[in-house]
């Protein structure tokens, strides 16, 4: 499988800016060296979807509901996401865990519902600085994986992606050393394989930029990147996708 580069635009752009950025990226990114996924905000999804149809870029969503339909005000059904052309969906991002209080049970349910709808979940895991400094990072990550993937069944290795995003590196400008990311990603892959009985892709995210992306992508156990702020800049994200 090709390495995967996911752009997470978060809630950073007004509607018109999202469309403008999508148009520019479709013109700029023409190669198919990597699988490149764009995850805009929900309001922009329909029109961004139409813009990506004639490009090699794929569509992703930043979240998905725990169930297909129901009285869940403000949520977005994975059925509708699939119908719109969404292929990947980010689940369990640290910002949703922290600010929206998503727990392991919610994340686990979202993964299962996404898989039922043939969406590819991108499960985010990562330790805080205190776990890193105390030497508990691997223990913490193992627990996150066990809870998030409890009872999850996949048919092939391509059905699910895990994104390692150390919380102390997200939006701080302090990314992990690529060699260390390689080691942690290998650990995550091994732990996930024990649970899923499949060796899934493990990508890295956390202050990824054009100047460090090539070194991350060279690592054997880094199967791609989850890019935040740098994905909002046409030239920088295009550079990442051409490394």
Foldseek 3Di string as FASTA:
>chain_A
DAFEEEEDADPPDDQVLVLVLLLLQQVLAADPNHAYEYEDAPVNLLVSLVSCPVGSHAYEYAFAFLAQDDPDPPGHGLLVCVVSRHAEYEAAPVCCCPVVVDDLVRLLSRCQRNVVNNHEYAYEDAEEPVCVVVVNGLVRRLVSLCSNCPPPEDDAQARYEYEYEHPNQAPPLDDDDLVVVLVVLVSNQVSNCVRHVYRHQYAYEGNDWLVCLVSNVPRPRHRYYYYYPQSSDSVTVSSSVVD
